[in-house]
PDB file of N, CA and C in Angstrom:
ATOM      1  N   UNK A   1       0.805  -1.384   0.138  1.00  0.00           N
ATOM      2  CA  UNK A   1       0.029  -0.033   0.053  1.00  0.00           C
ATOM      3  C   UNK A   1       0.837   1.005   0.041  1.00  0.00           C
ATOM      4  N   UNK A   2       0.574   2.347  -0.860  1.00  0.00           N
ATOM      5  CA  UNK A   2       1.300   3.484  -0.953  1.00  0.00           C
ATOM      6  C   UNK A   2       0.818   4.518  -0.159  1.00  0.00           C
ATOM      7  N   UNK A   3       1.799   5.102   0.662  1.00  0.00           N
ATOM      8  CA  UNK A   3       1.302   6.149   1.328  1.00  0.00           C
ATOM      9  C   UNK A   3       1.511   7.579   0.530  1.00  0.00           C
ATOM     10  N   UNK A   4       0.601   8.608   0.698  1.00  0.00           N
ATOM     11  CA  UNK A   4       0.866  10.070   0.284  1.00  0.00           C
ATOM     12  C   UNK A   4       0.573  10.856   1.155  1.00  0.00           C
ATOM     13  N   UNK A   5       1.337  12.104   0.934  1.00  0.00           N
ATOM     14  CA  UNK A   5       1.353  13.242   1.764  1.00  0.00           C
ATOM     15  C   UNK A   5      -0.001  13.925   1.235  1.00  0.00           C
ATOM     16  N   UNK A   6      -0.008  14.940   2.129  1.00  0.00           N
ATOM     17  CA  UNK A   6      -1.300  15.887   1.740  1.00  0.00           C
ATOM     18  C   UNK A   6      -1.142  16.539   0.342  1.00  0.00           C
ATOM     19  N   UNK A   7       0.066  16.810   0.341  1.00  0.00           N
ATOM     20  CA  UNK A   7       0.421  17.689  -0.893  1.00  0.00           C
ATOM     21  C   UNK A   7       0.508  16.853  -2.061  1.00  0.00           C
ATOM     22  N   UNK A   8       0.897  15.707  -2.251  1.00  0.00           N
ATOM     23  CA  UNK A   8       0.689  14.475  -3.230  1.00  0.00           C
ATOM     24  C   UNK A   8      -0.606  14.263  -3.342  1.00  0.00           C
ATOM     25  N   UNK A   9      -1.505  14.145  -2.495  1.00  0.00           N
ATOM     26  CA  UNK A   9      -2.763  14.091  -2.510  1.00  0.00           C
ATOM     27  C   UNK A   9      -3.553  14.909  -3.306  1.00  0.00           C
ATOM     28  N   UNK A  10      -3.231  16.297  -2.963  1.00  0.00           N
ATOM     29  CA  UNK A  10      -3.944  17.536  -3.610  1.00  0.00           C
ATOM     30  C   UNK A  10      -3.523  17.430  -4.786  1.00  0.00           C
ATOM     31  N   UNK A  11      -2.167  17.618  -5.314  1.00  0.00           N
ATOM     32  CA  UNK A  11      -1.515  17.870  -6.563  1.00  0.00           C
ATOM     33  C   UNK A  11      -1.831  16.633  -7.575  1.00  0.00           C
ATOM     34  N   UNK A  12      -1.416  15.453  -7.293  1.00  0.00           N
ATOM     35  CA  UNK A  12      -1.620  14.376  -7.863  1.00  0.00           C
ATOM     36  C   UNK A  12      -2.945  13.646  -8.193  1.00  0.00           C
ATOM     37  N   UNK A  13      -3.605  13.736  -7.141  1.00  0.00           N
ATOM     38  CA  UNK A  13      -5.029  13.033  -7.347  1.00  0.00           C
ATOM     39  C   UNK A  13      -6.142  14.055  -7.208  1.00  0.00           C
ATOM     40  N   UNK A  14      -6.003  14.916  -7.000  1.00  0.00           N
ATOM     41  CA  UNK A  14      -6.993  16.202  -6.704  1.00  0.00           C
ATOM     42  C   UNK A  14      -8.017  15.951  -5.802  1.00  0.00           C
ATOM     43  N   UNK A  15      -7.399  15.757  -4.485  1.00  0.00           N
ATOM     44  CA  UNK A  15      -8.331  15.133  -3.359  1.00  0.00           C
ATOM     45  C   UNK A  15      -7.833  15.875  -2.300  1.00  0.00           C
ATOM     46  N   UNK A  16      -8.684  16.645  -1.676  1.00  0.00           N
ATOM     47  CA  UNK A  16      -8.382  17.364  -0.552  1.00  0.00           C
ATOM     48  C   UNK A  16      -8.514  16.959   0.949  1.00  0.00           C
ATOM     49  N   UNK A  17      -7.604  17.131   1.839  1.00  0.00           N
ATOM     50  CA  UNK A  17      -7.795  16.607   2.960  1.00  0.00           C
ATOM     51  C   UNK A  17      -7.827  17.528   3.784  1.00  0.00           C
ATOM     52  N   UNK A  18      -8.979  17.702   4.329  1.00  0.00           N
ATOM     53  CA  UNK A  18      -9.315  18.642   5.725  1.00  0.00           C
ATOM     54  C   UNK A  18      -8.565  18.031   6.953  1.00  0.00           C
ATOM     55  N   UNK A  19      -7.697  19.227   7.533  1.00  0.00           N
ATOM     56  CA  UNK A  19      -6.982  19.139   8.722  1.00  0.00           C
ATOM     57  C   UNK A  19      -8.076  18.742   9.811  1.00  0.00           C
ATOM     58  N   UNK A  20      -7.924  17.802  10.872  1.00  0.00           N
ATOM     59  CA  UNK A  20      -8.921  17.901  12.133  1.00  0.00           C
ATOM     60  C   UNK A  20      -9.583  19.040  12.452  1.00  0.00           C
ATOM     61  N   UNK A  21      -8.813  20.162  12.217  1.00  0.00           N
ATOM     62  CA  UNK A  21      -9.399  21.391  12.643  1.00  0.00           C
ATOM     63  C   UNK A  21     -10.505  21.936  11.634  1.00  0.00           C
ATOM     64  N   UNK A  22     -10.024  21.866  10.443  1.00  0.00           N
ATOM     65  CA  UNK A  22     -10.924  22.210   9.352  1.00  0.00           C
ATOM     66  C   UNK A  22     -12.268  21.524   9.633  1.00  0.00           C
ATOM     67  N   UNK A  23     -12.023  20.143   9.447  1.00  0.00           N
ATOM     68  CA  UNK A  23     -13.527  19.331   9.954  1.00  0.00           C
ATOM     69  C   UNK A  23     -14.349  19.390  10.725  1.00  0.00           C
ATOM     70  N   UNK A  24     -13.720  20.056  11.976  1.00  0.00           N
ATOM     71  CA  UNK A  24     -14.846  20.328  12.974  1.00  0.00           C
ATOM     72  C   UNK A  24     -15.467  21.679  12.858  1.00  0.00           C
ATOM     73  N   UNK A  25     -14.816  22.418  12.087  1.00  0.00           N
ATOM     74  CA  UNK A  25     -15.475  23.973  11.976  1.00  0.00           C
ATOM     75  C   UNK A  25     -16.429  23.907  11.246  1.00  0.00           C
ATOM     76  N   UNK A  26     -16.901  22.769  10.390  1.00  0.00           N
ATOM     77  CA  UNK A  26     -18.198  22.635   9.224  1.00  0.00           C
ATOM     78  C   UNK A  26     -19.225  22.475  10.125  1.00  0.00           C
ATOM     79  N   UNK A  27     -19.256  21.450  11.016  1.00  0.00           N
ATOM     80  CA  UNK A  27     -20.610  21.385  11.761  1.00  0.00           C
ATOM     81  C   UNK A  27     -21.150  22.595  12.671  1.00  0.00           C
ATOM     82  N   UNK A  28     -19.958  23.400  13.224  1.00  0.00           N
ATOM     83  CA  UNK A  28     -20.401  24.435  13.792  1.00  0.00           C
ATOM     84  C   UNK A  28     -20.987  25.440  12.911  1.00  0.00           C
ATOM     85  N   UNK A  29     -20.357  25.557  11.922  1.00  0.00           N
ATOM     86  CA  UNK A  29     -21.160  26.451  10.939  1.00  0.00           C
ATOM     87  C   UNK A  29     -22.690  25.922  10.344  1.00  0.00           C
ATOM     88  N   UNK A  30     -22.698  24.886  10.489  1.00  0.00           N
ATOM     89  CA  UNK A  30     -24.205  24.403   9.783  1.00  0.00           C
ATOM     90  C   UNK A  30     -25.021  24.782  11.189  1.00  0.00           C
ATOM     91  N   UNK A  31     -24.502  24.359  12.367  1.00  0.00           N
ATOM     92  CA  UNK A  31     -25.449  24.914  13.693  1.00  0.00           C
ATOM     93  C   UNK A  31     -25.686  26.081  13.671  1.00  0.00           C
ATOM     94  N   UNK A  32     -24.564  27.250  13.307  1.00  0.00           N
ATOM     95  CA  UNK A  32     -24.959  28.487  13.249  1.00  0.00           C
ATOM     96  C   UNK A  32     -25.921  28.931  12.230  1.00  0.00           C
ATOM     97  N   UNK A  33     -26.019  28.246  11.155  1.00  0.00           N
ATOM     98  CA  UNK A  33     -26.821  28.689  10.066  1.00  0.00           C
ATOM     99  C   UNK A  33     -28.166  28.047  10.524  1.00  0.00           C
ATOM    100  N   UNK A  34     -28.325  26.873  11.045  1.00  0.00           N
ATOM    101  CA  UNK A  34     -29.627  26.595  11.575  1.00  0.00           C
ATOM    102  C   UNK A  34     -30.137  27.370  12.576  1.00  0.00           C
ATOM    103  N   UNK A  35     -29.262  27.855  13.677  1.00  0.00           N
ATOM    104  CA  UNK A  35     -29.718  28.668  14.509  1.00  0.00           C
ATOM    105  C   UNK A  35     -30.419  30.091  13.801  1.00  0.00           C
ATOM    106  N   UNK A  36     -29.603  30.474  12.973  1.00  0.00           N
ATOM    107  CA  UNK A  36     -30.114  31.659  12.490  1.00  0.00           C
ATOM    108  C   UNK A  36     -31.406  31.714  11.778  1.00  0.00           C
ATOM    109  N   UNK A  37     -31.559  30.489  11.117  1.00  0.00           N
ATOM    110  CA  UNK A  37     -32.893  30.233  10.262  1.00  0.00           C
ATOM    111  C   UNK A  37     -33.999  30.139  11.347  1.00  0.00           C
ATOM    112  N   UNK A  38     -33.644  29.316  12.646  1.00  0.00           N
ATOM    113  CA  UNK A  38     -34.586  29.239  13.446  1.00  0.00           C
ATOM    114  C   UNK A  38     -35.290  30.396  13.837  1.00  0.00           C
ATOM    115  N   UNK A  39     -34.320  31.326  14.382  1.00  0.00           N
ATOM    116  CA  UNK A  39     -34.394  32.859  14.846  1.00  0.00           C
ATOM    117  C   UNK A  39     -35.086  33.532  13.794  1.00  0.00           C
ATOM    118  N   UNK A  40     -34.946  33.535  12.447  1.00  0.00           N
ATOM    119  CA  UNK A  40     -35.826  34.183  11.525  1.00  0.00           C
ATOM    120  C   UNK A  40     -37.279  33.562  11.309  1.00  0.00           C
ATOM    121  N   UNK A  41     -37.487  32.190  11.557  1.00  0.00           N
ATOM    122  CA  UNK A  41     -38.630  31.775  11.416  1.00  0.00           C
ATOM    123  C   UNK A  41     -39.475  32.239  12.460  1.00  0.00           C
ATOM    124  N   UNK A  42     -39.076  31.863  13.769  1.00  0.00           N
ATOM    125  CA  UNK A  42     -39.914  32.307  14.978  1.00  0.00           C
ATOM    126  C   UNK A  42     -40.011  33.689  14.686  1.00  0.00           C
ATOM    127  N   UNK A  43     -39.098  34.692  14.421  1.00  0.00           N
ATOM    128  CA  UNK A  43     -39.682  36.087  14.225  1.00  0.00           C
ATOM    129  C   UNK A  43     -40.542  36.248  13.113  1.00  0.00           C
ATOM    130  N   UNK A  44     -40.973  35.464  12.208  1.00  0.00           N
ATOM    131  CA  UNK A  44     -41.723  35.915  10.872  1.00  0.00           C
ATOM    132  C   UNK A  44     -43.075  35.197  11.612  1.00  0.00           C
ATOM    133  N   UNK A  45     -43.058  33.795  12.750  1.00  0.00           N
ATOM    134  CA  UNK A  45     -44.416  33.484  12.957  1.00  0.00           C
ATOM    135  C   UNK A  45     -44.745  34.596  14.196  1.00  0.00           C
ATOM    136  N   UNK A  46     -43.835  35.047  14.795  1.00  0.00           N
ATOM    137  CA  UNK A  46     -44.434  36.335  15.981  1.00  0.00           C
ATOM    138  C   UNK A  46     -45.081  37.606  15.144  1.00  0.00           C
ATOM    139  N   UNK A  47     -44.552  37.755  14.136  1.00  0.00           N
ATOM    140  CA  UNK A  47     -45.042  38.916  13.254  1.00  0.00           C
ATOM    141  C   UNK A  47     -46.534  38.657  12.681  1.00  0.00           C
ATOM    142  N   UNK A  48     -46.506  37.444  12.049  1.00  0.00           N
ATOM    143  CA  UNK A  48     -47.682  37.001  11.749  1.00  0.00           C
ATOM    144  C   UNK A  48     -48.882  36.942  12.418  1.00  0.00           C
ATOM    145  N   UNK A  49     -48.426  36.435  13.944  1.00  0.00           N
ATOM    146  CA  UNK A  49     -49.626  36.387  14.993  1.00  0.00           C
ATOM    147  C   UNK A  49     -50.131  38.019  15.323  1.00  0.00           C
ATOM    148  N   UNK A  50     -49.183  38.753  15.320  1.00  0.00           N
ATOM    149  CA  UNK A  50     -49.571  40.047  15.861  1.00  0.00           C
ATOM    150  C   UNK A  50     -50.261  40.797  14.754  1.00  0.00           C
ATOM    151  N   UNK A  51     -49.998  40.754  13.573  1.00  0.00           N
ATOM    152  CA  UNK A  51     -50.793  40.975  12.436  1.00  0.00           C
ATOM    153  C   UNK A  51     -52.342  40.337  12.376  1.00  0.00           C
ATOM    154  N   UNK A  52     -52.399  39.314  12.784  1.00  0.00           N
ATOM    155  CA  UNK A  52     -53.793  38.596  12.758  1.00  0.00           C
ATOM    156  C   UNK A  52     -54.200  38.882  13.889  1.00  0.00           C
ATOM    157  N   UNK A  53     -53.639  39.591  14.954  1.00  0.00           N
ATOM    158  CA  UNK A  53     -54.464  39.673  16.219  1.00  0.00           C
ATOM    159  C   UNK A  53     -54.831  41.375  16.273  1.00  0.00           C
ATOM    160  N   UNK A  54     -54.023  42.258  15.196  1.00  0.00           N
ATOM    161  CA  UNK A  54     -54.152  43.754  15.000  1.00  0.00           C
ATOM    162  C   UNK A  54     -55.377  43.576  14.069  1.00  0.00           C
ATOM    163  N   UNK A  55     -55.378  42.462  13.068  1.00  0.00           N
ATOM    164  CA  UNK A  55     -56.605  42.588  12.045  1.00  0.00           C
ATOM    165  C   UNK A  55     -57.897  42.176  12.963  1.00  0.00           C
ATOM    166  N   UNK A  56     -57.892  41.333  13.849  1.00  0.00           N
ATOM    167  CA  UNK A  56     -59.083  41.167  14.386  1.00  0.00           C
ATOM    168  C   UNK A  56     -59.579  42.105  15.164  1.00  0.00           C
ATOM    169  N   UNK A  57     -59.046  43.335  15.341  1.00  0.00           N
ATOM    170  CA  UNK A  57     -59.551  44.358  16.286  1.00  0.00           C
ATOM    171  C   UNK A  57     -60.493  45.259  15.432  1.00  0.00           C
ATOM    172  N   UNK A  58     -61.474  46.126  16.133  1.00  0.00           N
ATOM    173  CA  UNK A  58     -61.963  46.792  15.228  1.00  0.00           C
ATOM    174  C   UNK A  58     -61.418  48.031  15.266  1.00  0.00           C
ATOM    175  N   UNK A  59     -61.799  48.922  14.036  1.00  0.00           N
ATOM    176  CA  UNK A  59     -61.504  50.114  13.496  1.00  0.00           C
ATOM    177  C   UNK A  59     -61.079  51.137  14.701  1.00  0.00           C
ATOM    178  N   UNK A  60     -62.103  51.169  15.917  1.00  0.00           N
ATOM    179  CA  UNK A  60     -61.939  51.953  17.076  1.00  0.00           C
ATOM    180  C   UNK A  60     -60.840  51.453  17.837  1.00  0.00           C
ATOM    181  N   UNK A  61     -60.732  50.550  17.999  1.00  0.00           N
ATOM    182  CA  UNK A  61     -59.341  49.970  19.022  1.00  0.00           C
ATOM    183  C   UNK A  61     -58.111  50.364  17.965  1.00  0.00           C
ATOM    184  N   UNK A  62     -58.189  50.114  16.472  1.00  0.00           N
ATOM    185  CA  UNK A  62     -56.880  50.480  15.758  1.00  0.00           C
ATOM    186  C   UNK A  62     -56.445  52.081  16.111  1.00  0.00           C
ATOM    187  N   UNK A  63     -57.752  52.714  15.895  1.00  0.00           N
ATOM    188  CA  UNK A  63     -57.389  54.081  16.105  1.00  0.00           C
ATOM    189  C   UNK A  63     -56.989  54.584  17.397  1.00  0.00           C
ATOM    190  N   UNK A  64     -57.321  54.004  18.417  1.00  0.00           N
ATOM    191  CA  UNK A  64     -56.784  53.903  19.849  1.00  0.00           C
ATOM    192  C   UNK A  64     -55.257  53.772  19.622  1.00  0.00           C
ATOM    193  N   UNK A  65     -54.787  52.872  19.051  1.00  0.00           N
ATOM    194  CA  UNK A  65     -53.378  52.533  18.841  1.00  0.00           C
ATOM    195  C   UNK A  65     -52.696  53.640  17.984  1.00  0.00           C
ATOM    196  N   UNK A  66     -53.321  54.182  17.399  1.00  0.00           N
ATOM    197  CA  UNK A  66     -52.814  55.498  16.511  1.00  0.00           C
ATOM    198  C   UNK A  66     -52.408  54.478  14.860  1.00  0.00           C
ATOM    199  N   UNK A  67     -53.021  53.782  14.523  1.00  0.00           N
ATOM    200  CA  UNK A  67     -53.019  52.928  13.196  1.00  0.00           C
ATOM    201  C   UNK A  67     -54.283  52.886  12.223  1.00  0.00           C
ATOM    202  N   UNK A  68     -54.231  52.955  11.248  1.00  0.00           N
ATOM    203  CA  UNK A  68     -55.196  52.418  10.547  1.00  0.00           C
ATOM    204  C   UNK A  68     -54.872  51.026  10.028  1.00  0.00           C
ATOM    205  N   UNK A  69     -56.119  50.527   9.648  1.00  0.00           N
ATOM    206  CA  UNK A  69     -56.218  48.988   9.296  1.00  0.00           C
ATOM    207  C   UNK A  69     -55.013  48.920   7.973  1.00  0.00           C
ATOM    208  N   UNK A  70     -55.137  49.587   7.203  1.00  0.00           N
ATOM    209  CA  UNK A  70     -53.953  49.616   6.223  1.00  0.00           C
ATOM    210  C   UNK A  70     -52.327  49.617   6.385  1.00  0.00           C
ATOM    211  N   UNK A  71     -52.147  50.225   7.665  1.00  0.00           N
ATOM    212  CA  UNK A  71     -50.649  50.359   8.064  1.00  0.00           C
ATOM    213  C   UNK A  71     -50.341  49.186   9.314  1.00  0.00           C
ATOM    214  N   UNK A  72     -51.642  48.306   9.249  1.00  0.00           N
ATOM    215  CA  UNK A  72     -51.329  47.134  10.391  1.00  0.00           C
ATOM    216  C   UNK A  72     -49.551  46.462   9.846  1.00  0.00           C
ATOM    217  N   UNK A  73     -49.580  45.879   8.674  1.00  0.00           N
ATOM    218  CA  UNK A  73     -48.405  45.025   8.595  1.00  0.00           C
ATOM    219  C   UNK A  73     -47.067  45.970   8.610  1.00  0.00           C
ATOM    220  N   UNK A  74     -47.215  47.260   8.220  1.00  0.00           N
ATOM    221  CA  UNK A  74     -46.188  48.167   8.224  1.00  0.00           C
ATOM    222  C   UNK A  74     -45.748  48.509   9.887  1.00  0.00           C
ATOM    223  N   UNK A  75     -46.642  48.515  10.487  1.00  0.00           N
ATOM    224  CA  UNK A  75     -46.583  48.891  12.359  1.00  0.00           C
ATOM    225  C   UNK A  75     -45.869  47.714  12.702  1.00  0.00           C
ATOM    226  N   UNK A  76     -46.185  46.585  12.367  1.00  0.00           N
ATOM    227  CA  UNK A  76     -45.611  45.299  12.861  1.00  0.00           C
ATOM    228  C   UNK A  76     -44.309  45.055  12.556  1.00  0.00           C
ATOM    229  N   UNK A  77     -43.923  44.920  11.033  1.00  0.00           N
ATOM    230  CA  UNK A  77     -42.706  44.942  10.519  1.00  0.00           C
ATOM    231  C   UNK A  77     -41.838  45.884  10.789  1.00  0.00           C
ATOM    232  N   UNK A  78     -42.247  47.063  11.244  1.00  0.00           N
ATOM    233  CA  UNK A  78     -41.359  48.303  11.285  1.00  0.00           C
ATOM    234  C   UNK A  78     -40.266  48.430  12.622  1.00  0.00           C
ATOM    235  N   UNK A  79     -39.181  48.448  12.541  1.00  0.00           N
ATOM    236  CA  UNK A  79     -38.333  48.126  13.855  1.00  0.00           C
ATOM    237  C   UNK A  79     -38.471  49.907  14.266  1.00  0.00           C
ATOM    238  N   UNK A  80     -38.382  49.936  15.656  1.00  0.00           N
ATOM    239  CA  UNK A  80     -38.617  50.996  16.309  1.00  0.00           C
ATOM    240  C   UNK A  80     -37.394  51.058  17.077  1.00  0.00           C
TER     241      UNK A  80
END
């Protein structure tokens, strides 16, 4: 059986060999991506719930809050 160095694997056989540190970073990056996705989904669900709650209010209640029915989505999604 023939032993190859990392350099020969890369140059001759076009095989990339990751060091142990590099191979450990990938799962961390995937977990970070999944965490960002979870946070984004939770934020979207919260916004949709707030929009539905405001939409169920009467025009008088919305006027007390200082918004019109046409401004509900903008009021929920706008950062203050």
